PDB file of N, CA and C in Angstrom:
ATOM      1  N   MET A   1     -75.052  30.842-141.467  1.00  0.00           N
ATOM      2  CA  MET A   1     -75.941  30.366-142.507  1.00  0.00           C
ATOM      3  C   MET A   1     -75.117  29.477-143.438  1.00  0.00           C
ATOM      4  N   SER A   2     -75.318  28.159-143.411  1.00  0.00           N
ATOM      5  CA  SER A   2     -74.594  27.288-144.328  1.00  0.00           C
ATOM      6  C   SER A   2     -75.565  26.812-145.403  1.00  0.00           C
ATOM      7  N   ILE A   3     -75.124  26.897-146.649  1.00  0.00           N
ATOM      8  CA  ILE A   3     -76.014  26.618-147.764  1.00  0.00           C
ATOM      9  C   ILE A   3     -75.295  25.761-148.798  1.00  0.00           C
ATOM     10  N   ALA A   4     -75.978  24.723-149.275  1.00  0.00           N
ATOM     11  CA  ALA A   4     -75.519  23.946-150.417  1.00  0.00           C
ATOM     12  C   ALA A   4     -76.473  24.286-151.558  1.00  0.00           C
ATOM     13  N   TRP A   5     -75.968  24.914-152.604  1.00  0.00           N
ATOM     14  CA  TRP A   5     -76.822  25.380-153.697  1.00  0.00           C
ATOM     15  C   TRP A   5     -77.240  24.232-154.609  1.00  0.00           C
ATOM     16  N   SER A   6     -78.471  24.294-155.045  1.00  0.00           N
ATOM     17  CA  SER A   6     -79.020  23.318-155.990  1.00  0.00           C
ATOM     18  C   SER A   6     -79.069  23.965-157.370  1.00  0.00           C
ATOM     19  N   ASP A   7     -78.836  23.179-158.396  1.00  0.00           N
ATOM     20  CA  ASP A   7     -78.890  23.706-159.762  1.00  0.00           C
ATOM     21  C   ASP A   7     -80.315  23.859-160.276  1.00  0.00           C
ATOM     22  N   SER A   8     -81.279  23.264-159.588  1.00  0.00           N
ATOM     23  CA  SER A   8     -82.645  23.233-160.108  1.00  0.00           C
ATOM     24  C   SER A   8     -83.474  24.474-159.773  1.00  0.00           C
ATOM     25  N   THR A   9     -82.994  25.307-158.860  1.00  0.00           N
ATOM     26  CA  THR A   9     -83.736  26.484-158.421  1.00  0.00           C
ATOM     27  C   THR A   9     -82.800  27.682-158.421  1.00  0.00           C
ATOM     28  N   PRO A  10     -83.298  28.856-158.854  1.00  0.00           N
ATOM     29  CA  PRO A  10     -82.435  30.038-158.824  1.00  0.00           C
ATOM     30  C   PRO A  10     -81.857  30.275-157.420  1.00  0.00           C
ATOM     31  N   ILE A  11     -80.615  30.712-157.371  1.00  0.00           N
ATOM     32  CA  ILE A  11     -79.940  30.898-156.088  1.00  0.00           C
ATOM     33  C   ILE A  11     -80.653  31.915-155.212  1.00  0.00           C
ATOM     34  N   TYR A  12     -81.185  32.997-155.796  1.00  0.00           N
ATOM     35  CA  TYR A  12     -81.869  33.982-154.965  1.00  0.00           C
ATOM     36  C   TYR A  12     -83.062  33.367-154.247  1.00  0.00           C
ATOM     37  N   ARG A  13     -83.757  32.442-154.916  1.00  0.00           N
ATOM     38  CA  ARG A  13     -84.897  31.776-154.266  1.00  0.00           C
ATOM     39  C   ARG A  13     -84.421  30.846-153.152  1.00  0.00           C
ATOM     40  N   GLN A  14     -83.314  30.138-153.394  1.00  0.00           N
ATOM     41  CA  GLN A  14     -82.768  29.258-152.368  1.00  0.00           C
ATOM     42  C   GLN A  14     -82.327  30.065-151.153  1.00  0.00           C
ATOM     43  N   LEU A  15     -81.728  31.213-151.396  1.00  0.00           N
ATOM     44  CA  LEU A  15     -81.297  32.086-150.304  1.00  0.00           C
ATOM     45  C   LEU A  15     -82.507  32.604-149.535  1.00  0.00           C
ATOM     46  N   LYS A  16     -83.526  33.014-150.254  1.00  0.00           N
ATOM     47  CA  LYS A  16     -84.762  33.482-149.615  1.00  0.00           C
ATOM     48  C   LYS A  16     -85.355  32.370-148.743  1.00  0.00           C
ATOM     49  N   GLU A  17     -85.425  31.154-149.277  1.00  0.00           N
ATOM     50  CA  GLU A  17     -85.986  30.041-148.518  1.00  0.00           C
ATOM     51  C   GLU A  17     -85.149  29.723-147.285  1.00  0.00           C
ATOM     52  N   ARG A  18     -83.843  29.923-147.372  1.00  0.00           N
ATOM     53  CA  ARG A  18     -82.979  29.703-146.203  1.00  0.00           C
ATOM     54  C   ARG A  18     -83.284  30.722-145.118  1.00  0.00           C
ATOM     55  N   VAL A  19     -83.487  31.974-145.511  1.00  0.00           N
ATOM     56  CA  VAL A  19     -83.841  33.004-144.526  1.00  0.00           C
ATOM     57  C   VAL A  19     -85.212  32.678-143.910  1.00  0.00           C
ATOM     58  N   VAL A  20     -86.165  32.255-144.729  1.00  0.00           N
ATOM     59  CA  VAL A  20     -87.489  31.859-144.230  1.00  0.00           C
ATOM     60  C   VAL A  20     -87.338  30.728-143.213  1.00  0.00           C
ATOM     61  N   ALA A  21     -86.519  29.727-143.525  1.00  0.00           N
ATOM     62  CA  ALA A  21     -86.295  28.607-142.603  1.00  0.00           C
ATOM     63  C   ALA A  21     -85.667  29.095-141.301  1.00  0.00           C
ATOM     64  N   MET A  22     -84.739  30.045-141.399  1.00  0.00           N
ATOM     65  CA  MET A  22     -84.102  30.579-140.195  1.00  0.00           C
ATOM     66  C   MET A  22     -85.111  31.293-139.302  1.00  0.00           C
ATOM     67  N   VAL A  23     -86.069  31.991-139.904  1.00  0.00           N
ATOM     68  CA  VAL A  23     -87.121  32.658-139.119  1.00  0.00           C
ATOM     69  C   VAL A  23     -88.032  31.610-138.491  1.00  0.00           C
ATOM     70  N   LEU A  24     -88.451  30.615-139.274  1.00  0.00           N
ATOM     71  CA  LEU A  24     -89.329  29.565-138.749  1.00  0.00           C
ATOM     72  C   LEU A  24     -88.660  28.759-137.642  1.00  0.00           C
ATOM     73  N   ASP A  25     -87.354  28.526-137.775  1.00  0.00           N
ATOM     74  CA  ASP A  25     -86.611  27.740-136.783  1.00  0.00           C
ATOM     75  C   ASP A  25     -86.181  28.572-135.573  1.00  0.00           C
ATOM     76  N   GLY A  26     -86.434  29.867-135.610  1.00  0.00           N
ATOM     77  CA  GLY A  26     -86.067  30.727-134.495  1.00  0.00           C
ATOM     78  C   GLY A  26     -84.617  31.182-134.501  1.00  0.00           C
ATOM     79  N   GLU A  27     -83.877  30.878-135.563  1.00  0.00           N
ATOM     80  CA  GLU A  27     -82.495  31.356-135.667  1.00  0.00           C
ATOM     81  C   GLU A  27     -82.461  32.859-135.879  1.00  0.00           C
ATOM     82  N   LEU A  28     -83.458  33.372-136.604  1.00  0.00           N
ATOM     83  CA  LEU A  28     -83.657  34.809-136.761  1.00  0.00           C
ATOM     84  C   LEU A  28     -84.983  35.144-136.101  1.00  0.00           C
ATOM     85  N   LYS A  29     -84.954  36.061-135.170  1.00  0.00           N
ATOM     86  CA  LYS A  29     -86.163  36.450-134.436  1.00  0.00           C
ATOM     87  C   LYS A  29     -86.629  37.821-134.895  1.00  0.00           C
ATOM     88  N   GLU A  30     -87.862  38.143-134.545  1.00  0.00           N
ATOM     89  CA  GLU A  30     -88.397  39.454-134.881  1.00  0.00           C
ATOM     90  C   GLU A  30     -87.486  40.531-134.317  1.00  0.00           C
ATOM     91  N   GLY A  31     -87.149  41.490-135.155  1.00  0.00           N
ATOM     92  CA  GLY A  31     -86.263  42.567-134.751  1.00  0.00           C
ATOM     93  C   GLY A  31     -84.798  42.306-135.046  1.00  0.00           C
ATOM     94  N   ASP A  32     -84.450  41.058-135.379  1.00  0.00           N
ATOM     95  CA  ASP A  32     -83.059  40.730-135.705  1.00  0.00           C
ATOM     96  C   ASP A  32     -82.697  41.272-137.086  1.00  0.00           C
ATOM     97  N   ALA A  33     -81.447  41.659-137.215  1.00  0.00           N
ATOM     98  CA  ALA A  33     -80.933  42.111-138.507  1.00  0.00           C
ATOM     99  C   ALA A  33     -80.547  40.907-139.350  1.00  0.00           C
ATOM    100  N   LEU A  34     -80.835  40.982-140.645  1.00  0.00           N
ATOM    101  CA  LEU A  34     -80.337  39.975-141.575  1.00  0.00           C
ATOM    102  C   LEU A  34     -78.851  40.262-141.807  1.00  0.00           C
ATOM    103  N   PRO A  35     -78.077  39.244-142.123  1.00  0.00           N
ATOM    104  CA  PRO A  35     -76.681  39.514-142.485  1.00  0.00           C
ATOM    105  C   PRO A  35     -76.656  40.495-143.663  1.00  0.00           C
ATOM    106  N   SER A  36     -75.659  41.354-143.724  1.00  0.00           N
ATOM    107  CA  SER A  36     -75.608  42.363-144.785  1.00  0.00           C
ATOM    108  C   SER A  36     -75.468  41.696-146.155  1.00  0.00           C
ATOM    109  N   VAL A  37     -75.963  42.396-147.163  1.00  0.00           N
ATOM    110  CA  VAL A  37     -75.853  41.911-148.540  1.00  0.00           C
ATOM    111  C   VAL A  37     -74.394  41.656-148.880  1.00  0.00           C
ATOM    112  N   ARG A  38     -73.533  42.589-148.533  1.00  0.00           N
ATOM    113  CA  ARG A  38     -72.110  42.439-148.842  1.00  0.00           C
ATOM    114  C   ARG A  38     -71.511  41.228-148.142  1.00  0.00           C
ATOM    115  N   GLN A  39     -71.894  41.025-146.879  1.00  0.00           N
ATOM    116  CA  GLN A  39     -71.337  39.905-146.121  1.00  0.00           C
ATOM    117  C   GLN A  39     -71.775  38.566-146.708  1.00  0.00           C
ATOM    118  N   VAL A  40     -73.070  38.441-147.015  1.00  0.00           N
ATOM    119  CA  VAL A  40     -73.582  37.193-147.598  1.00  0.00           C
ATOM    120  C   VAL A  40     -72.936  36.949-148.959  1.00  0.00           C
ATOM    121  N   ALA A  41     -72.835  38.000-149.764  1.00  0.00           N
ATOM    122  CA  ALA A  41     -72.216  37.863-151.089  1.00  0.00           C
ATOM    123  C   ALA A  41     -70.767  37.391-150.963  1.00  0.00           C
ATOM    124  N   ALA A  42     -70.043  37.959-150.023  1.00  0.00           N
ATOM    125  CA  ALA A  42     -68.639  37.573-149.834  1.00  0.00           C
ATOM    126  C   ALA A  42     -68.529  36.161-149.270  1.00  0.00           C
ATOM    127  N   ASP A  43     -69.334  35.849-148.272  1.00  0.00           N
ATOM    128  CA  ASP A  43     -69.260  34.535-147.625  1.00  0.00           C
ATOM    129  C   ASP A  43     -69.579  33.388-148.582  1.00  0.00           C
ATOM    130  N   TYR A  44     -70.529  33.606-149.490  1.00  0.00           N
ATOM    131  CA  TYR A  44     -70.987  32.523-150.358  1.00  0.00           C
ATOM    132  C   TYR A  44     -70.615  32.735-151.815  1.00  0.00           C
ATOM    133  N   GLN A  45     -69.723  33.693-152.060  1.00  0.00           N
ATOM    134  CA  GLN A  45     -69.245  33.986-153.402  1.00  0.00           C
ATOM    135  C   GLN A  45     -70.403  34.192-154.374  1.00  0.00           C
ATOM    136  N   LEU A  46     -71.317  35.065-153.969  1.00  0.00           N
ATOM    137  CA  LEU A  46     -72.485  35.397-154.776  1.00  0.00           C
ATOM    138  C   LEU A  46     -72.374  36.829-155.264  1.00  0.00           C
ATOM    139  N   ASN A  47     -73.078  37.099-156.337  1.00  0.00           N
ATOM    140  CA  ASN A  47     -73.208  38.466-156.805  1.00  0.00           C
ATOM    141  C   ASN A  47     -74.108  39.208-155.809  1.00  0.00           C
ATOM    142  N   PRO A  48     -73.728  40.399-155.369  1.00  0.00           N
ATOM    143  CA  PRO A  48     -74.582  41.145-154.434  1.00  0.00           C
ATOM    144  C   PRO A  48     -75.998  41.372-154.960  1.00  0.00           C
ATOM    145  N   ILE A  49     -76.154  41.432-156.279  1.00  0.00           N
ATOM    146  CA  ILE A  49     -77.493  41.612-156.857  1.00  0.00           C
ATOM    147  C   ILE A  49     -78.364  40.399-156.549  1.00  0.00           C
ATOM    148  N   THR A  50     -77.781  39.212-156.542  1.00  0.00           N
ATOM    149  CA  THR A  50     -78.516  37.984-156.211  1.00  0.00           C
ATOM    150  C   THR A  50     -79.027  38.055-154.775  1.00  0.00           C
ATOM    151  N   VAL A  51     -78.169  38.472-153.858  1.00  0.00           N
ATOM    152  CA  VAL A  51     -78.555  38.588-152.449  1.00  0.00           C
ATOM    153  C   VAL A  51     -79.619  39.666-152.300  1.00  0.00           C
ATOM    154  N   SER A  52     -79.423  40.790-152.959  1.00  0.00           N
ATOM    155  CA  SER A  52     -80.398  41.887-152.893  1.00  0.00           C
ATOM    156  C   SER A  52     -81.764  41.443-153.400  1.00  0.00           C
ATOM    157  N   ARG A  53     -81.772  40.643-154.453  1.00  0.00           N
ATOM    158  CA  ARG A  53     -83.046  40.163-155.005  1.00  0.00           C
ATOM    159  C   ARG A  53     -83.782  39.286-153.985  1.00  0.00           C
ATOM    160  N   ALA A  54     -83.054  38.400-153.319  1.00  0.00           N
ATOM    161  CA  ALA A  54     -83.669  37.547-152.291  1.00  0.00           C
ATOM    162  C   ALA A  54     -84.231  38.416-151.169  1.00  0.00           C
ATOM    163  N   TYR A  55     -83.442  39.364-150.703  1.00  0.00           N
ATOM    164  CA  TYR A  55     -83.882  40.247-149.621  1.00  0.00           C
ATOM    165  C   TYR A  55     -85.071  41.104-150.052  1.00  0.00           C
ATOM    166  N   GLN A  56     -85.068  41.551-151.310  1.00  0.00           N
ATOM    167  CA  GLN A  56     -86.183  42.372-151.790  1.00  0.00           C
ATOM    168  C   GLN A  56     -87.480  41.570-151.819  1.00  0.00           C
ATOM    169  N   GLU A  57     -87.396  40.297-152.200  1.00  0.00           N
ATOM    170  CA  GLU A  57     -88.610  39.468-152.176  1.00  0.00           C
ATOM    171  C   GLU A  57     -89.146  39.327-150.755  1.00  0.00           C
ATOM    172  N   LEU A  58     -88.247  39.176-149.790  1.00  0.00           N
ATOM    173  CA  LEU A  58     -88.675  39.104-148.389  1.00  0.00           C
ATOM    174  C   LEU A  58     -89.335  40.406-147.964  1.00  0.00           C
ATOM    175  N   ALA A  59     -88.798  41.524-148.421  1.00  0.00           N
ATOM    176  CA  ALA A  59     -89.390  42.829-148.105  1.00  0.00           C
ATOM    177  C   ALA A  59     -90.744  42.979-148.800  1.00  0.00           C
ATOM    178  N   ASP A  60     -90.835  42.544-150.064  1.00  0.00           N
ATOM    179  CA  ASP A  60     -92.093  42.634-150.806  1.00  0.00           C
ATOM    180  C   ASP A  60     -93.190  41.815-150.137  1.00  0.00           C
ATOM    181  N   GLU A  61     -92.808  40.744-149.461  1.00  0.00           N
ATOM    182  CA  GLU A  61     -93.770  39.895-148.763  1.00  0.00           C
ATOM    183  C   GLU A  61     -94.008  40.368-147.330  1.00  0.00           C
ATOM    184  N   ALA A  62     -93.462  41.526-146.989  1.00  0.00           N
ATOM    185  CA  ALA A  62     -93.626  42.143-145.662  1.00  0.00           C
ATOM    186  C   ALA A  62     -93.148  41.232-144.538  1.00  0.00           C
ATOM    187  N   LEU A  63     -91.997  40.587-144.778  1.00  0.00           N
ATOM    188  CA  LEU A  63     -91.382  39.750-143.753  1.00  0.00           C
ATOM    189  C   LEU A  63     -90.186  40.456-143.129  1.00  0.00           C
ATOM    190  N   VAL A  64     -89.557  41.331-143.905  1.00  0.00           N
ATOM    191  CA  VAL A  64     -88.440  42.130-143.412  1.00  0.00           C
ATOM    192  C   VAL A  64     -88.667  43.576-143.845  1.00  0.00           C
ATOM    193  N   GLU A  65     -87.962  44.474-143.165  1.00  0.00           N
ATOM    194  CA  GLU A  65     -88.050  45.884-143.541  1.00  0.00           C
ATOM    195  C   GLU A  65     -86.643  46.450-143.638  1.00  0.00           C
ATOM    196  N   LYS A  66     -86.503  47.402-144.552  1.00  0.00           N
ATOM    197  CA  LYS A  66     -85.209  48.057-144.708  1.00  0.00           C
ATOM    198  C   LYS A  66     -85.194  49.289-143.812  1.00  0.00           C
ATOM    199  N   ARG A  67     -84.153  49.387-143.004  1.00  0.00           N
ATOM    200  CA  ARG A  67     -83.953  50.567-142.170  1.00  0.00           C
ATOM    201  C   ARG A  67     -82.780  51.325-142.767  1.00  0.00           C
ATOM    202  N   ARG A  68     -83.083  52.480-143.275  1.00  0.00           N
ATOM    203  CA  ARG A  68     -82.093  53.278-144.001  1.00  0.00           C
ATOM    204  C   ARG A  68     -80.791  53.399-143.212  1.00  0.00           C
ATOM    205  N   GLY A  69     -79.722  52.978-143.865  1.00  0.00           N
ATOM    206  CA  GLY A  69     -78.409  53.069-143.265  1.00  0.00           C
ATOM    207  C   GLY A  69     -78.088  51.980-142.254  1.00  0.00           C
ATOM    208  N   LEU A  70     -79.061  51.126-141.951  1.00  0.00           N
ATOM    209  CA  LEU A  70     -78.860  50.088-140.939  1.00  0.00           C
ATOM    210  C   LEU A  70     -78.947  48.675-141.488  1.00  0.00           C
ATOM    211  N   GLY A  71     -79.726  48.472-142.544  1.00  0.00           N
ATOM    212  CA  GLY A  71     -79.869  47.141-143.122  1.00  0.00           C
ATOM    213  C   GLY A  71     -81.308  46.648-143.090  1.00  0.00           C
ATOM    214  N   MET A  72     -81.448  45.334-143.217  1.00  0.00           N
ATOM    215  CA  MET A  72     -82.765  44.685-143.256  1.00  0.00           C
ATOM    216  C   MET A  72     -83.021  43.980-141.933  1.00  0.00           C
ATOM    217  N   TYR A  73     -84.257  44.105-141.445  1.00  0.00           N
ATOM    218  CA  TYR A  73     -84.633  43.541-140.155  1.00  0.00           C
ATOM    219  C   TYR A  73     -85.916  42.731-140.286  1.00  0.00           C
ATOM    220  N   VAL A  74     -86.000  41.649-139.519  1.00  0.00           N
ATOM    221  CA  VAL A  74     -87.197  40.818-139.477  1.00  0.00           C
ATOM    222  C   VAL A  74     -88.284  41.626-138.763  1.00  0.00           C
ATOM    223  N   ILE A  75     -89.458  41.724-139.388  1.00  0.00           N
ATOM    224  CA  ILE A  75     -90.528  42.536-138.803  1.00  0.00           C
ATOM    225  C   ILE A  75     -91.312  41.743-137.756  1.00  0.00           C
ATOM    226  N   ASP A  76     -92.004  42.456-136.899  1.00  0.00           N
ATOM    227  CA  ASP A  76     -92.885  41.826-135.921  1.00  0.00           C
ATOM    228  C   ASP A  76     -93.989  41.070-136.658  1.00  0.00           C
ATOM    229  N   GLY A  77     -94.273  39.863-136.226  1.00  0.00           N
ATOM    230  CA  GLY A  77     -95.318  39.044-136.827  1.00  0.00           C
ATOM    231  C   GLY A  77     -94.860  38.223-138.022  1.00  0.00           C
ATOM    232  N   ALA A  78     -93.574  38.323-138.389  1.00  0.00           N
ATOM    233  CA  ALA A  78     -93.077  37.599-139.565  1.00  0.00           C
ATOM    234  C   ALA A  78     -93.199  36.093-139.384  1.00  0.00           C
ATOM    235  N   ARG A  79     -92.846  35.591-138.205  1.00  0.00           N
ATOM    236  CA  ARG A  79     -92.885  34.141-137.979  1.00  0.00           C
ATOM    237  C   ARG A  79     -94.310  33.605-138.077  1.00  0.00           C
ATOM    238  N   GLU A  80     -95.252  34.317-137.469  1.00  0.00           N
ATOM    239  CA  GLU A  80     -96.650  33.870-137.527  1.00  0.00           C
ATOM    240  C   GLU A  80     -97.176  33.887-138.954  1.00  0.00           C
ATOM    241  N   LYS A  81     -96.818  34.916-139.693  1.00  0.00           N
ATOM    242  CA  LYS A  81     -97.242  35.017-141.090  1.00  0.00           C
ATOM    243  C   LYS A  81     -96.653  33.867-141.904  1.00  0.00           C
ATOM    244  N   LEU A  82     -95.372  33.572-141.670  1.00  0.00           N
ATOM    245  CA  LEU A  82     -94.725  32.465-142.373  1.00  0.00           C
ATOM    246  C   LEU A  82     -95.336  31.126-142.001  1.00  0.00           C
ATOM    247  N   LEU A  83     -95.598  30.924-140.711  1.00  0.00           N
ATOM    248  CA  LEU A  83     -96.219  29.662-140.282  1.00  0.00           C
ATOM    249  C   LEU A  83     -97.554  29.457-140.987  1.00  0.00           C
ATOM    250  N   ALA A  84     -98.368  30.493-141.042  1.00  0.00           N
ATOM    251  CA  ALA A  84     -99.675  30.386-141.680  1.00  0.00           C
ATOM    252  C   ALA A  84     -99.527  30.051-143.168  1.00  0.00           C
ATOM    253  N   SER A  85     -98.635  30.744-143.859  1.00  0.00           N
ATOM    254  CA  SER A  85     -98.492  30.498-145.297  1.00  0.00           C
ATOM    255  C   SER A  85     -97.844  29.141-145.575  1.00  0.00           C
ATOM    256  N   GLU A  86     -96.862  28.737-144.752  1.00  0.00           N
ATOM    257  CA  GLU A  86     -96.214  27.441-144.949  1.00  0.00           C
ATOM    258  C   GLU A  86     -97.173  26.293-144.639  1.00  0.00           C
ATOM    259  N   ARG A  87     -98.011  26.459-143.617  1.00  0.00           N
ATOM    260  CA  ARG A  87     -99.010  25.421-143.316  1.00  0.00           C
ATOM    261  C   ARG A  87     -99.992  25.279-144.466  1.00  0.00           C
ATOM    262  N   GLU A  88    -100.450  26.417-144.991  1.00  0.00           N
ATOM    263  CA  GLU A  88    -101.396  26.382-146.107  1.00  0.00           C
ATOM    264  C   GLU A  88    -100.757  25.722-147.331  1.00  0.00           C
ATOM    265  N   ARG A  89     -99.514  26.081-147.636  1.00  0.00           N
ATOM    266  CA  ARG A  89     -98.811  25.496-148.773  1.00  0.00           C
ATOM    267  C   ARG A  89     -98.634  23.987-148.577  1.00  0.00           C
ATOM    268  N   PHE A  90     -98.254  23.574-147.365  1.00  0.00           N
ATOM    269  CA  PHE A  90     -98.094  22.146-147.077  1.00  0.00           C
ATOM    270  C   PHE A  90     -99.404  21.395-147.318  1.00  0.00           C
ATOM    271  N   LEU A  91    -100.489  21.921-146.772  1.00  0.00           N
ATOM    272  CA  LEU A  91    -101.773  21.231-146.899  1.00  0.00           C
ATOM    273  C   LEU A  91    -102.273  21.174-148.338  1.00  0.00           C
ATOM    274  N   LYS A  92    -101.979  22.191-149.135  1.00  0.00           N
ATOM    275  CA  LYS A  92    -102.446  22.222-150.525  1.00  0.00           C
ATOM    276  C   LYS A  92    -101.513  21.473-151.478  1.00  0.00           C
ATOM    277  N   GLU A  93    -100.197  21.574-151.236  1.00  0.00           N
ATOM    278  CA  GLU A  93     -99.247  21.040-152.209  1.00  0.00           C
ATOM    279  C   GLU A  93     -98.592  19.726-151.778  1.00  0.00           C
ATOM    280  N   GLU A  94     -98.136  19.643-150.546  1.00  0.00           N
ATOM    281  CA  GLU A  94     -97.361  18.481-150.123  1.00  0.00           C
ATOM    282  C   GLU A  94     -98.231  17.367-149.536  1.00  0.00           C
ATOM    283  N   TRP A  95     -99.179  17.718-148.694  1.00  0.00           N
ATOM    284  CA  TRP A  95     -99.991  16.711-148.021  1.00  0.00           C
ATOM    285  C   TRP A  95    -100.712  15.777-148.992  1.00  0.00           C
ATOM    286  N   PRO A  96    -101.329  16.282-150.071  1.00  0.00           N
ATOM    287  CA  PRO A  96    -101.985  15.346-150.995  1.00  0.00           C
ATOM    288  C   PRO A  96    -101.028  14.287-151.544  1.00  0.00           C
ATOM    289  N   GLN A  97     -99.768  14.646-151.791  1.00  0.00           N
ATOM    290  CA  GLN A  97     -98.795  13.677-152.282  1.00  0.00           C
ATOM    291  C   GLN A  97     -98.423  12.675-151.195  1.00  0.00           C
ATOM    292  N   VAL A  98     -98.246  13.171-149.971  1.00  0.00           N
ATOM    293  CA  VAL A  98     -97.921  12.287-148.842  1.00  0.00           C
ATOM    294  C   VAL A  98     -99.085  11.321-148.609  1.00  0.00           C
ATOM    295  N   LEU A  99    -100.296  11.849-148.591  1.00  0.00           N
ATOM    296  CA  LEU A  99    -101.482  11.015-148.367  1.00  0.00           C
ATOM    297  C   LEU A  99    -101.626   9.952-149.453  1.00  0.00           C
ATOM    298  N   ALA A 100    -101.395  10.342-150.690  1.00  0.00           N
ATOM    299  CA  ALA A 100    -101.482   9.374-151.796  1.00  0.00           C
ATOM    300  C   ALA A 100    -100.450   8.262-151.614  1.00  0.00           C
ATOM    301  N   ARG A 101     -99.265   8.609-151.174  1.00  0.00           N
ATOM    302  CA  ARG A 101     -98.223   7.595-150.955  1.00  0.00           C
ATOM    303  C   ARG A 101     -98.602   6.668-149.803  1.00  0.00           C
ATOM    304  N   ILE A 102     -99.135   7.244-148.721  1.00  0.00           N
ATOM    305  CA  ILE A 102     -99.588   6.438-147.575  1.00  0.00           C
ATOM    306  C   ILE A 102    -100.641   5.436-148.028  1.00  0.00           C
ATOM    307  N   GLU A 103    -101.599   5.919-148.807  1.00  0.00           N
ATOM    308  CA  GLU A 103    -102.666   5.038-149.293  1.00  0.00           C
ATOM    309  C   GLU A 103    -102.109   3.980-150.242  1.00  0.00           C
ATOM    310  N   ARG A 104    -101.176   4.367-151.114  1.00  0.00           N
ATOM    311  CA  ARG A 104    -100.572   3.444-152.062  1.00  0.00           C
ATOM    312  C   ARG A 104     -99.833   2.323-151.339  1.00  0.00           C
ATOM    313  N   LEU A 105     -99.200   2.662-150.212  1.00  0.00           N
ATOM    314  CA  LEU A 105     -98.453   1.677-149.441  1.00  0.00           C
ATOM    315  C   LEU A 105     -99.338   0.888-148.474  1.00  0.00           C
ATOM    316  N   GLY A 106    -100.593   1.279-148.358  1.00  0.00           N
ATOM    317  CA  GLY A 106    -101.528   0.562-147.501  1.00  0.00           C
ATOM    318  C   GLY A 106    -101.248   0.754-146.015  1.00  0.00           C
ATOM    319  N   LEU A 107    -100.667   1.886-145.656  1.00  0.00           N
ATOM    320  CA  LEU A 107    -100.379   2.160-144.242  1.00  0.00           C
ATOM    321  C   LEU A 107    -101.631   2.689-143.548  1.00  0.00           C
ATOM    322  N   ASN A 108    -101.766   2.327-142.268  1.00  0.00           N
ATOM    323  CA  ASN A 108    -102.893   2.846-141.504  1.00  0.00           C
ATOM    324  C   ASN A 108    -102.363   3.792-140.416  1.00  0.00           C
ATOM    325  N   PRO A 109    -103.245   4.578-139.805  1.00  0.00           N
ATOM    326  CA  PRO A 109    -102.794   5.558-138.796  1.00  0.00           C
ATOM    327  C   PRO A 109    -102.000   4.936-137.657  1.00  0.00           C
ATOM    328  N   GLU A 110    -102.383   3.731-137.204  1.00  0.00           N
ATOM    329  CA  GLU A 110    -101.663   3.084-136.106  1.00  0.00           C
ATOM    330  C   GLU A 110    -100.217   2.789-136.497  1.00  0.00           C
ATOM    331  N   GLN A 111    -100.017   2.323-137.723  1.00  0.00           N
ATOM    332  CA  GLN A 111     -98.666   2.038-138.196  1.00  0.00           C
ATOM    333  C   GLN A 111     -97.831   3.323-138.274  1.00  0.00           C
ATOM    334  N   LEU A 112     -98.439   4.375-138.734  1.00  0.00           N
ATOM    335  CA  LEU A 112     -97.724   5.649-138.852  1.00  0.00           C
ATOM    336  C   LEU A 112     -97.333   6.186-137.481  1.00  0.00           C
ATOM    337  N   LEU A 113     -98.265   6.123-136.524  1.00  0.00           N
ATOM    338  CA  LEU A 113     -97.988   6.637-135.193  1.00  0.00           C
ATOM    339  C   LEU A 113     -97.007   5.756-134.427  1.00  0.00           C
ATOM    340  N   ALA A 114     -96.968   4.461-134.764  1.00  0.00           N
ATOM    341  CA  ALA A 114     -96.079   3.542-134.063  1.00  0.00           C
ATOM    342  C   ALA A 114     -94.651   3.549-134.642  1.00  0.00           C
ATOM    343  N   ALA A 115     -94.464   4.212-135.780  1.00  0.00           N
ATOM    344  CA  ALA A 115     -93.135   4.236-136.410  1.00  0.00           C
ATOM    345  C   ALA A 115     -92.145   4.852-135.442  1.00  0.00           C
ATOM    346  N   LYS A 116     -90.999   4.198-135.292  1.00  0.00           N
ATOM    347  CA  LYS A 116     -89.981   4.660-134.334  1.00  0.00           C
ATOM    348  C   LYS A 116     -89.193   5.821-134.949  1.00  0.00           C
ATOM    349  N   PRO A 117     -88.918   6.852-134.137  1.00  0.00           N
ATOM    350  CA  PRO A 117     -88.134   7.974-134.663  1.00  0.00           C
ATOM    351  C   PRO A 117     -86.689   7.585-134.916  1.00  0.00           C
ATOM    352  N   ILE A 118     -86.136   8.126-135.994  1.00  0.00           N
ATOM    353  CA  ILE A 118     -84.721   7.976-136.310  1.00  0.00           C
ATOM    354  C   ILE A 118     -84.142   9.384-136.297  1.00  0.00           C
ATOM    355  N   ASN A 119     -83.185   9.630-135.387  1.00  0.00           N
ATOM    356  CA  ASN A 119     -82.579  10.955-135.254  1.00  0.00           C
ATOM    357  C   ASN A 119     -83.630  12.044-135.037  1.00  0.00           C
ATOM    358  N   GLY A 120     -84.630  11.746-134.243  1.00  0.00           N
ATOM    359  CA  GLY A 120     -85.645  12.742-133.925  1.00  0.00           C
ATOM    360  C   GLY A 120     -86.738  12.855-134.970  1.00  0.00           C
ATOM    361  N   VAL A 121     -86.656  12.070-136.057  1.00  0.00           N
ATOM    362  CA  VAL A 121     -87.641  12.109-137.118  1.00  0.00           C
ATOM    363  C   VAL A 121     -88.267  10.728-137.223  1.00  0.00           C
ATOM    364  N   HIS A 122     -89.586  10.685-137.345  1.00  0.00           N
ATOM    365  CA  HIS A 122     -90.246   9.378-137.494  1.00  0.00           C
ATOM    366  C   HIS A 122     -89.840   8.757-138.806  1.00  0.00           C
ATOM    367  N   ALA A 123     -89.649   7.442-138.769  1.00  0.00           N
ATOM    368  CA  ALA A 123     -89.294   6.703-139.987  1.00  0.00           C
ATOM    369  C   ALA A 123     -90.459   5.833-140.410  1.00  0.00           C
TER     370      ALA A 123
END
């Protein structure tokens, strides 16, 4: 897990979002253990309370579960739940801004679809 911290968002939230991205990207699969709080704290020079807070939010959202004496594990159905919530968030929060920019620039669907990918991403 490599992370560059931003000053604009609390670190626990950034850590939580990194774990969410790892689940969505398939780096962490259902049933996989999350890295231990102590290990993450040591690796990234974080306070263990910060890591615990991120993990607790994931548990509160029923994405991971704590197994006594074993650690935190990604629960079954976590990826599907995340996909549904991330799609909804994208459509409500990000898409309107993207659409407004497309309209402002006068782009049409053909131009967007014809854009050549750069490094696997359309430009």
